């Protein structure tokens, strides 16, 4: 069964998830939004979620979010459940390149951004320590 990203966000029981490798997303032209389905679906890559209550995101150092992207992505559906803007970066540790700013709030949005297979993704706070809220990314092929 597939649910839309809006339906997924409306669920209140996802606060404990660290990584949900079976949740994948694909852009649905008819619905005009990302649809979350099952792993292995065409056009989708496993998504990543981080609970910042378990893994704090600081302004001082990058935190690994995805150690190695399993497939190339052409876009990202981003969600920041904290109250602080968070930087999404790519690259090896100590060589990160800032790629996007994930604004806080309950609205997910699609960002066209090419990321190669095997790329490491990391997060960094723009201010202070983020210690509550879910950060989520749905990768689109």
N, C-alpha and C. Protein backbone atom coordinates (compact mmCIF):
# COMPACT_ATOMS: atom_id res chain seq x y z
N UNK A 1 0.83 -1.18 0.00
CA UNK A 1 0.00 0.00 0.00
C UNK A 1 0.88 1.24 0.00
N UNK A 2 0.50 2.25 -0.76
CA UNK A 2 1.22 3.52 -0.79
C UNK A 2 0.40 4.59 -0.10
N UNK A 3 1.10 5.53 0.54
CA UNK A 3 0.44 6.69 1.10
C UNK A 3 1.15 7.92 0.59
N UNK A 4 0.48 9.05 0.57
CA UNK A 4 1.13 10.28 0.13
C UNK A 4 2.01 10.82 1.24
N UNK A 5 2.93 11.70 0.89
CA UNK A 5 3.80 12.31 1.88
C UNK A 5 2.96 13.09 2.90
N UNK A 6 1.90 13.75 2.45
CA UNK A 6 1.02 14.49 3.36
C UNK A 6 0.38 13.54 4.37
N UNK A 7 -0.04 12.37 3.93
CA UNK A 7 -0.62 11.40 4.85
C UNK A 7 0.42 10.89 5.84
N UNK A 8 1.64 10.66 5.36
CA UNK A 8 2.72 10.19 6.23
C UNK A 8 3.03 11.24 7.30
N UNK A 9 3.12 12.52 6.88
CA UNK A 9 3.43 13.59 7.83
C UNK A 9 2.34 13.73 8.87
N UNK A 10 1.10 13.43 8.50
CA UNK A 10 -0.03 13.58 9.43
C UNK A 10 -0.02 12.52 10.53
N UNK A 11 0.73 11.44 10.32
CA UNK A 11 0.81 10.40 11.35
C UNK A 11 1.62 10.94 12.53
N UNK A 12 1.17 10.68 13.72
CA UNK A 12 1.86 11.21 14.90
C UNK A 12 2.80 10.20 15.53
N UNK A 13 2.90 9.01 14.99
CA UNK A 13 3.68 7.96 15.65
C UNK A 13 5.04 7.70 15.00
N UNK A 14 5.60 8.65 14.25
CA UNK A 14 6.89 8.41 13.60
C UNK A 14 8.05 9.05 14.34
N UNK A 15 7.83 9.60 15.52
CA UNK A 15 8.88 10.33 16.25
C UNK A 15 10.06 9.46 16.63
N UNK A 16 9.88 8.15 16.79
CA UNK A 16 10.98 7.30 17.22
C UNK A 16 11.84 6.75 16.09
N UNK A 17 11.49 7.01 14.83
CA UNK A 17 12.25 6.44 13.72
C UNK A 17 13.60 7.09 13.58
N UNK A 18 14.63 6.30 13.36
CA UNK A 18 15.96 6.80 13.04
C UNK A 18 16.14 6.75 11.52
N UNK A 19 16.00 5.57 10.95
CA UNK A 19 16.11 5.40 9.51
C UNK A 19 15.01 4.44 9.09
N UNK A 20 14.34 4.75 8.01
CA UNK A 20 13.25 3.91 7.53
C UNK A 20 13.59 3.49 6.10
N UNK A 21 14.44 2.46 5.92
CA UNK A 21 14.89 2.10 4.58
C UNK A 21 13.80 1.56 3.66
N UNK A 22 12.66 1.13 4.20
CA UNK A 22 11.62 0.59 3.35
C UNK A 22 10.69 1.67 2.81
N UNK A 23 10.79 2.89 3.34
CA UNK A 23 9.96 3.98 2.85
C UNK A 23 10.65 4.64 1.67
N UNK A 24 9.98 4.68 0.54
CA UNK A 24 10.55 5.29 -0.64
C UNK A 24 9.54 6.26 -1.23
N UNK A 25 10.02 7.17 -2.05
CA UNK A 25 9.12 8.19 -2.58
C UNK A 25 9.30 8.33 -4.08
N UNK A 26 8.23 8.73 -4.72
CA UNK A 26 8.24 8.94 -6.15
C UNK A 26 7.27 10.07 -6.47
N UNK A 27 7.64 10.95 -7.40
CA UNK A 27 6.77 12.06 -7.78
C UNK A 27 5.60 11.52 -8.58
N UNK A 28 4.39 11.85 -8.16
CA UNK A 28 3.17 11.44 -8.85
C UNK A 28 2.60 12.64 -9.57
N UNK A 29 2.65 12.60 -10.91
CA UNK A 29 2.17 13.73 -11.72
C UNK A 29 0.70 14.02 -11.49
N UNK A 30 -0.12 12.98 -11.35
CA UNK A 30 -1.56 13.18 -11.17
C UNK A 30 -1.86 13.85 -9.83
N UNK A 31 -1.17 13.42 -8.77
CA UNK A 31 -1.40 14.00 -7.44
C UNK A 31 -0.60 15.28 -7.23
N UNK A 32 0.45 15.48 -8.04
CA UNK A 32 1.37 16.61 -7.90
C UNK A 32 2.02 16.63 -6.52
N UNK A 33 2.44 15.45 -6.06
CA UNK A 33 3.21 15.36 -4.83
C UNK A 33 3.97 14.04 -4.77
N UNK A 34 4.89 13.96 -3.80
CA UNK A 34 5.64 12.73 -3.61
C UNK A 34 4.73 11.67 -3.00
N UNK A 35 4.87 10.44 -3.48
CA UNK A 35 4.10 9.33 -2.95
C UNK A 35 5.07 8.35 -2.32
N UNK A 36 4.82 7.95 -1.09
CA UNK A 36 5.67 6.98 -0.39
C UNK A 36 5.13 5.59 -0.66
N UNK A 37 6.00 4.68 -1.11
CA UNK A 37 5.59 3.33 -1.45
C UNK A 37 6.54 2.31 -0.85
N UNK A 38 6.71 1.18 -1.52
CA UNK A 38 7.56 0.12 -0.99
C UNK A 38 8.92 0.12 -1.67
N UNK A 39 9.94 -0.37 -0.97
CA UNK A 39 11.29 -0.41 -1.51
C UNK A 39 11.32 -1.22 -2.79
N UNK A 40 12.13 -0.79 -3.72
CA UNK A 40 12.25 -1.50 -4.98
C UNK A 40 11.35 -0.93 -6.06
N UNK A 41 10.50 0.03 -5.73
CA UNK A 41 9.64 0.65 -6.74
C UNK A 41 10.49 1.41 -7.74
N UNK A 42 10.03 1.46 -8.98
CA UNK A 42 10.77 2.17 -10.02
C UNK A 42 10.80 3.66 -9.72
N UNK A 43 11.94 4.30 -9.96
CA UNK A 43 12.05 5.74 -9.81
C UNK A 43 12.24 6.24 -8.39
N UNK A 44 12.48 5.35 -7.45
CA UNK A 44 12.62 5.78 -6.07
C UNK A 44 13.85 5.18 -5.40
N UNK A 45 14.32 5.85 -4.36
CA UNK A 45 15.49 5.43 -3.59
C UNK A 45 15.06 5.43 -2.13
N UNK A 46 15.57 4.52 -1.30
CA UNK A 46 15.19 4.54 0.12
C UNK A 46 15.38 5.92 0.75
N UNK A 47 14.45 6.29 1.60
CA UNK A 47 14.46 7.59 2.27
C UNK A 47 15.23 7.51 3.58
N UNK A 48 15.57 8.66 4.14
CA UNK A 48 16.29 8.70 5.41
C UNK A 48 15.57 9.63 6.37
N UNK A 49 15.51 9.21 7.63
CA UNK A 49 14.92 10.00 8.69
C UNK A 49 15.88 10.03 9.87
N UNK A 50 15.98 11.17 10.53
CA UNK A 50 16.82 11.27 11.71
C UNK A 50 16.01 11.91 12.83
N UNK A 51 16.00 11.29 13.99
CA UNK A 51 15.34 11.84 15.17
C UNK A 51 16.41 12.61 15.94
N UNK A 52 16.32 13.94 15.93
CA UNK A 52 17.37 14.75 16.55
C UNK A 52 17.37 14.65 18.07
N UNK A 53 16.35 14.04 18.67
CA UNK A 53 16.37 13.79 20.11
C UNK A 53 17.38 12.69 20.44
N UNK A 54 17.60 11.76 19.49
CA UNK A 54 18.57 10.67 19.67
C UNK A 54 19.94 11.05 19.15
N UNK A 55 19.98 11.78 18.05
CA UNK A 55 21.24 12.23 17.45
C UNK A 55 21.16 13.74 17.29
N UNK A 56 21.76 14.47 18.22
CA UNK A 56 21.71 15.93 18.17
C UNK A 56 22.45 16.46 16.97
N UNK A 57 21.95 17.55 16.41
CA UNK A 57 22.58 18.23 15.27
C UNK A 57 23.13 19.55 15.80
N UNK A 58 24.44 19.73 15.70
CA UNK A 58 25.07 20.93 16.25
C UNK A 58 25.50 21.88 15.14
N UNK A 59 25.83 23.10 15.55
CA UNK A 59 26.34 24.09 14.61
C UNK A 59 27.84 23.95 14.43
N UNK A 60 28.49 23.16 15.30
CA UNK A 60 29.94 23.05 15.27
C UNK A 60 30.48 22.00 14.33
N UNK A 61 29.76 20.90 14.15
CA UNK A 61 30.27 19.80 13.33
C UNK A 61 29.12 19.15 12.57
N UNK A 62 29.43 18.62 11.41
CA UNK A 62 28.43 17.91 10.61
C UNK A 62 28.14 16.54 11.21
N UNK A 63 26.90 16.10 11.13
CA UNK A 63 26.47 14.78 11.58
C UNK A 63 26.12 13.97 10.34
N UNK A 64 26.65 12.75 10.22
CA UNK A 64 26.34 11.91 9.07
C UNK A 64 24.86 11.57 9.07
N UNK A 65 24.21 11.82 7.95
CA UNK A 65 22.78 11.55 7.78
C UNK A 65 22.60 10.30 6.94
N UNK A 66 23.32 10.20 5.83
CA UNK A 66 23.34 9.02 4.96
C UNK A 66 24.82 8.75 4.67
N UNK A 67 25.32 7.60 5.08
CA UNK A 67 26.74 7.28 4.90
C UNK A 67 27.12 7.15 3.44
N UNK A 68 26.23 6.54 2.63
CA UNK A 68 26.50 6.34 1.21
C UNK A 68 25.16 6.18 0.48
N UNK A 69 24.84 7.12 -0.39
CA UNK A 69 23.57 7.06 -1.12
C UNK A 69 23.56 5.85 -2.04
N UNK A 70 22.49 5.04 -1.96
CA UNK A 70 22.44 3.77 -2.68
C UNK A 70 22.25 3.91 -4.18
N UNK A 71 21.79 5.07 -4.64
CA UNK A 71 21.55 5.29 -6.07
C UNK A 71 21.59 6.79 -6.31
N UNK A 72 21.88 7.21 -7.52
CA UNK A 72 21.91 8.63 -7.85
C UNK A 72 20.51 9.23 -7.68
N UNK A 73 20.45 10.46 -7.22
CA UNK A 73 19.17 11.16 -7.04
C UNK A 73 19.17 12.44 -7.87
N UNK A 74 17.97 12.78 -8.37
CA UNK A 74 17.83 14.03 -9.13
C UNK A 74 17.06 15.07 -8.34
N UNK A 75 16.51 14.66 -7.20
CA UNK A 75 15.76 15.60 -6.38
C UNK A 75 15.55 15.05 -4.99
N UNK A 76 15.16 15.95 -4.09
CA UNK A 76 14.94 15.59 -2.69
C UNK A 76 13.62 16.18 -2.22
N UNK A 77 12.88 15.39 -1.47
CA UNK A 77 11.73 15.92 -0.73
C UNK A 77 12.21 16.12 0.69
N UNK A 78 12.19 17.35 1.18
CA UNK A 78 12.79 17.68 2.47
C UNK A 78 11.75 17.98 3.53
N UNK A 79 12.00 17.58 4.76
CA UNK A 79 11.14 17.88 5.89
C UNK A 79 12.01 18.16 7.11
N UNK A 80 11.74 19.26 7.81
CA UNK A 80 12.47 19.63 9.01
C UNK A 80 11.46 19.87 10.12
N UNK A 81 11.33 18.93 11.04
CA UNK A 81 10.39 19.04 12.14
C UNK A 81 10.94 19.77 13.35
N UNK A 82 12.13 20.34 13.24
CA UNK A 82 12.69 21.11 14.35
C UNK A 82 12.26 22.58 14.19
N UNK A 83 12.78 23.44 15.05
CA UNK A 83 12.47 24.87 14.94
C UNK A 83 13.66 25.67 14.43
N UNK A 84 14.68 24.97 13.94
CA UNK A 84 15.92 25.61 13.49
C UNK A 84 16.23 25.23 12.04
N UNK A 85 16.63 26.19 11.20
CA UNK A 85 17.09 25.82 9.85
C UNK A 85 18.31 24.90 9.95
N UNK A 86 18.36 23.90 9.07
CA UNK A 86 19.44 22.91 9.09
C UNK A 86 20.09 22.87 7.71
N UNK A 87 21.41 22.77 7.70
CA UNK A 87 22.17 22.71 6.45
C UNK A 87 22.32 21.25 6.03
N UNK A 88 22.02 20.95 4.77
CA UNK A 88 22.27 19.64 4.17
C UNK A 88 23.53 19.77 3.34
N UNK A 89 24.50 18.91 3.61
CA UNK A 89 25.79 18.95 2.91
C UNK A 89 26.10 17.59 2.31
N UNK A 90 26.98 17.59 1.31
CA UNK A 90 27.46 16.35 0.71
C UNK A 90 28.99 16.33 0.81
N UNK A 91 29.54 15.13 0.75
CA UNK A 91 31.00 14.99 0.73
C UNK A 91 31.53 14.26 1.94
N UNK A 92 32.79 13.89 1.84
CA UNK A 92 33.47 13.14 2.90
C UNK A 92 33.60 14.00 4.16
N UNK A 93 33.80 13.34 5.28
CA UNK A 93 34.01 14.05 6.54
C UNK A 93 35.18 15.01 6.41
N UNK A 94 35.01 16.20 6.94
CA UNK A 94 36.00 17.28 6.89
C UNK A 94 36.13 17.91 5.50
N UNK A 95 35.30 17.46 4.54
CA UNK A 95 35.31 18.05 3.19
C UNK A 95 33.89 18.30 2.70
N UNK A 96 32.96 18.52 3.63
CA UNK A 96 31.56 18.72 3.28
C UNK A 96 31.35 20.01 2.47
N UNK A 97 30.38 19.94 1.57
CA UNK A 97 29.98 21.10 0.77
C UNK A 97 28.50 21.34 1.04
N UNK A 98 28.17 22.53 1.54
CA UNK A 98 26.78 22.87 1.81
C UNK A 98 26.00 22.90 0.50
N UNK A 99 24.86 22.17 0.47
CA UNK A 99 24.07 22.07 -0.76
C UNK A 99 22.68 22.67 -0.64
N UNK A 100 22.10 22.65 0.59
CA UNK A 100 20.74 23.15 0.74
C UNK A 100 20.50 23.55 2.19
N UNK A 101 19.55 24.46 2.37
CA UNK A 101 19.09 24.86 3.69
C UNK A 101 17.69 24.29 3.86
N UNK A 102 17.51 23.46 4.88
CA UNK A 102 16.20 22.85 5.14
C UNK A 102 15.50 23.71 6.19
N UNK A 103 14.49 24.44 5.74
CA UNK A 103 13.78 25.35 6.63
C UNK A 103 12.89 24.58 7.59
N UNK A 104 12.70 25.09 8.81
CA UNK A 104 11.83 24.41 9.77
C UNK A 104 10.36 24.54 9.39
N UNK A 105 9.57 23.63 9.92
CA UNK A 105 8.14 23.69 9.68
C UNK A 105 7.59 22.33 9.31
N UNK A 106 6.32 22.29 9.08
CA UNK A 106 5.65 21.03 8.83
C UNK A 106 5.39 20.77 7.35
N UNK A 107 5.87 21.64 6.48
CA UNK A 107 5.64 21.46 5.05
C UNK A 107 6.87 20.87 4.38
N UNK A 108 6.69 19.77 3.70
CA UNK A 108 7.78 19.18 2.91
C UNK A 108 7.77 19.84 1.54
N UNK A 109 8.92 19.94 0.93
CA UNK A 109 9.00 20.53 -0.40
C UNK A 109 10.00 19.75 -1.23
N UNK A 110 9.90 19.86 -2.55
CA UNK A 110 10.78 19.15 -3.47
C UNK A 110 11.87 20.09 -3.96
N UNK A 111 13.11 19.65 -3.82
CA UNK A 111 14.26 20.43 -4.26
C UNK A 111 14.97 19.68 -5.37
N UNK A 112 15.07 20.27 -6.58
CA UNK A 112 15.83 19.61 -7.64
C UNK A 112 17.32 19.73 -7.34
N UNK A 113 17.96 18.60 -7.05
CA UNK A 113 19.38 18.59 -6.69
C UNK A 113 19.97 17.25 -7.08
N UNK A 114 20.98 17.26 -7.93
CA UNK A 114 21.61 16.02 -8.37
C UNK A 114 22.66 15.58 -7.35
N UNK A 115 22.55 14.30 -6.95
CA UNK A 115 23.50 13.72 -6.00
C UNK A 115 23.91 12.35 -6.54
N UNK A 116 25.21 12.10 -6.64
CA UNK A 116 25.73 10.87 -7.22
C UNK A 116 25.62 9.69 -6.27
N UNK A 117 25.58 8.49 -6.84
CA UNK A 117 25.61 7.25 -6.08
C UNK A 117 26.84 7.23 -5.18
N UNK A 118 26.69 6.75 -3.95
CA UNK A 118 27.81 6.64 -3.03
C UNK A 118 28.13 7.90 -2.26
N UNK A 119 27.42 8.98 -2.51
CA UNK A 119 27.69 10.24 -1.83
C UNK A 119 27.25 10.20 -0.37
N UNK A 120 28.06 10.75 0.50
CA UNK A 120 27.72 10.90 1.92
C UNK A 120 26.94 12.20 2.09
N UNK A 121 25.84 12.14 2.85
CA UNK A 121 25.06 13.33 3.18
C UNK A 121 25.18 13.59 4.67
N UNK A 122 25.28 14.85 5.04
CA UNK A 122 25.40 15.20 6.44
C UNK A 122 24.57 16.44 6.74
N UNK A 123 24.35 16.66 8.05
CA UNK A 123 23.52 17.76 8.51
C UNK A 123 24.30 18.60 9.51
N UNK A 124 23.97 19.90 9.56
CA UNK A 124 24.59 20.82 10.51
C UNK A 124 23.56 21.90 10.85
N UNK A 125 23.47 22.26 12.09
CA UNK A 125 22.54 23.31 12.52
C UNK A 125 23.08 24.68 12.12
N UNK A 126 22.17 25.61 11.86
CA UNK A 126 22.60 26.98 11.56
C UNK A 126 22.83 27.77 12.84
N UNK A 127 22.29 27.25 13.97
CA UNK A 127 22.40 27.98 15.23
C UNK A 127 22.15 27.03 16.40
N UNK A 128 23.10 26.90 17.29
CA UNK A 128 22.90 26.09 18.48
C UNK A 128 22.78 24.61 18.19
N UNK A 129 22.21 23.89 19.15
CA UNK A 129 22.04 22.44 19.04
C UNK A 129 20.57 22.11 18.81
N UNK A 130 20.28 21.30 17.80
CA UNK A 130 18.93 20.82 17.53
C UNK A 130 18.80 19.48 18.24
N UNK A 131 17.88 19.42 19.22
CA UNK A 131 17.74 18.21 20.02
C UNK A 131 16.31 17.70 20.07
N UNK A 132 15.46 18.22 19.19
CA UNK A 132 14.10 17.69 19.07
C UNK A 132 13.60 17.92 17.65
N UNK A 133 12.81 16.97 17.16
CA UNK A 133 12.26 17.07 15.82
C UNK A 133 12.85 16.03 14.87
N UNK A 134 12.04 15.66 13.91
CA UNK A 134 12.44 14.69 12.88
C UNK A 134 12.93 15.45 11.65
N UNK A 135 14.03 14.97 11.07
CA UNK A 135 14.52 15.48 9.80
C UNK A 135 14.33 14.33 8.80
N UNK A 136 13.69 14.61 7.69
CA UNK A 136 13.42 13.57 6.71
C UNK A 136 13.77 14.01 5.31
N UNK A 137 14.27 13.06 4.53
CA UNK A 137 14.57 13.29 3.12
C UNK A 137 14.06 12.12 2.31
N UNK A 138 13.29 12.40 1.28
CA UNK A 138 12.88 11.41 0.31
C UNK A 138 13.67 11.70 -0.97
N UNK A 139 14.37 10.69 -1.46
CA UNK A 139 15.20 10.84 -2.65
C UNK A 139 14.39 10.43 -3.88
N UNK A 140 14.50 11.22 -4.95
CA UNK A 140 13.80 10.93 -6.20
C UNK A 140 14.85 10.72 -7.29
N UNK A 141 14.68 9.60 -8.05
CA UNK A 141 15.62 9.31 -9.15
C UNK A 141 15.44 10.31 -10.25
